[in-house]
Amino acid sequence: MTETGGPGAAQQSALTLADVARHAGVSPMTVSNVINGRPGVRPATRQRVLDAVAATGYRVNEVARALAGGRSRVLSVFTPQLNRPYAAEVVQGAAQAAEALHYDLVVVMRSGGGGADLSLMARLSAGALLIQPSGGDWPRRSDLPPHLVSVDGPGERVLGADNAGGARQATAHLLALGHTRVGLISGLLAEPDGPQTGRDDAAERLRGYQETLRAAGLDPLTYVRHGDYTQESGARAARELLALSPPPTALFAAGDAMALGALHAAQDLGFRVPQDLSVVGFDDLPVAAAARPALTTVRQPLRQMGEVAVRLLVELAGGGAPELPPPFPTGLVVRESSGPVPPSGA
């Protein structure tokens, strides 16, 4: 019998199936059958084993289970940088769904390319969620689990928001306020003949912006600059746009980080927001409401996307063939950073 007092965590980490079997008075094979949900164990024996698991504090070693050919209850998340608010929001939703479904979640950050440093747990997991898998720093397909779902990126199973629709909402909002010189700070676009490091969401947001301006009889090309979803690129693009003659009276940035960079750059140049310049973002990250002035932005349900991705992976791991949901709806959140066109800009 294994005692449960004393050092605690160190003692629990050394527990084996044999320890649980001795506690329950059964064979290790019986314990294995119960833990893995196999049939053929009498109800009374099954309960005795479960009581022994609880009494000893034994926890299933998921790596050992996967190596032995059992069904893994681990899911991996691959993200370029977890400290990016976008990725953090998706992971939050994924973690909540995984906990509810009794799966463990392993986060693997990809920042330098190559595949040799992948953790054993990631390779043995039942499925993987790829967040914005657009660059060259992603692992080879052969290094990944059999089932994949991606958020805002290429692949067979992709989850994403209605990016074009969200861009139409943002642009139409600024037009309704009287702005006719509306600038766009686009996300990372793919080069036609270069490496495919761009993102589908960036192209869709550009399309929504341009279609809305064309429908209003306005030029959709003059006030467009490209960023890479970072705050620095938003500031740089804003300075370029605001140096034009005449400058735009409103800026729509296709990501909240770029919008904040644009807002700060404009303020540094002496523009008052929104009195002289309106700024609108996309994502509705937590930082948007905390900005000063608070950022008008397009909300996409990032946590819900993480939750749905995990549920799809669990269904795939169980042998199912789930259908992908349609693009998630977006919604405009009007705050303080957008206002009527200034008299000088009409």
Foldseek 3Di string as FASTA:
>chain_A
DDACDDPHPVSQVPDDLCQLCVQLVHDSVLLVCLVLVHDDDDPVSSVSSVVSCVRNVHDDDQLVCLVVVGQHLEEEEEEQDCPPLLNVLLVLLLCVLSVVVVGHYHYDHFHPADDPPDDSRQQSHLEYEYELPFDRRDYDPNSGHPYYEYEFADDDHYAAAQLLVQLLVVLVVQVVLPFQQEAEAFAAAQDPPDGRRRTPSRVSSLVSNQVNNVVVVHDSPPRYHYAHQALCRLLVSLVVQVPDVPHGQEYEYAAVRSQVSNVVNCVVVPADFNQRHATEYEDPRVVQCVDVQRHWYKHFNSSVSSSVRNVVSVCVSVVHDDDHDPHGYIGTDDTRRHHHHHPVRD
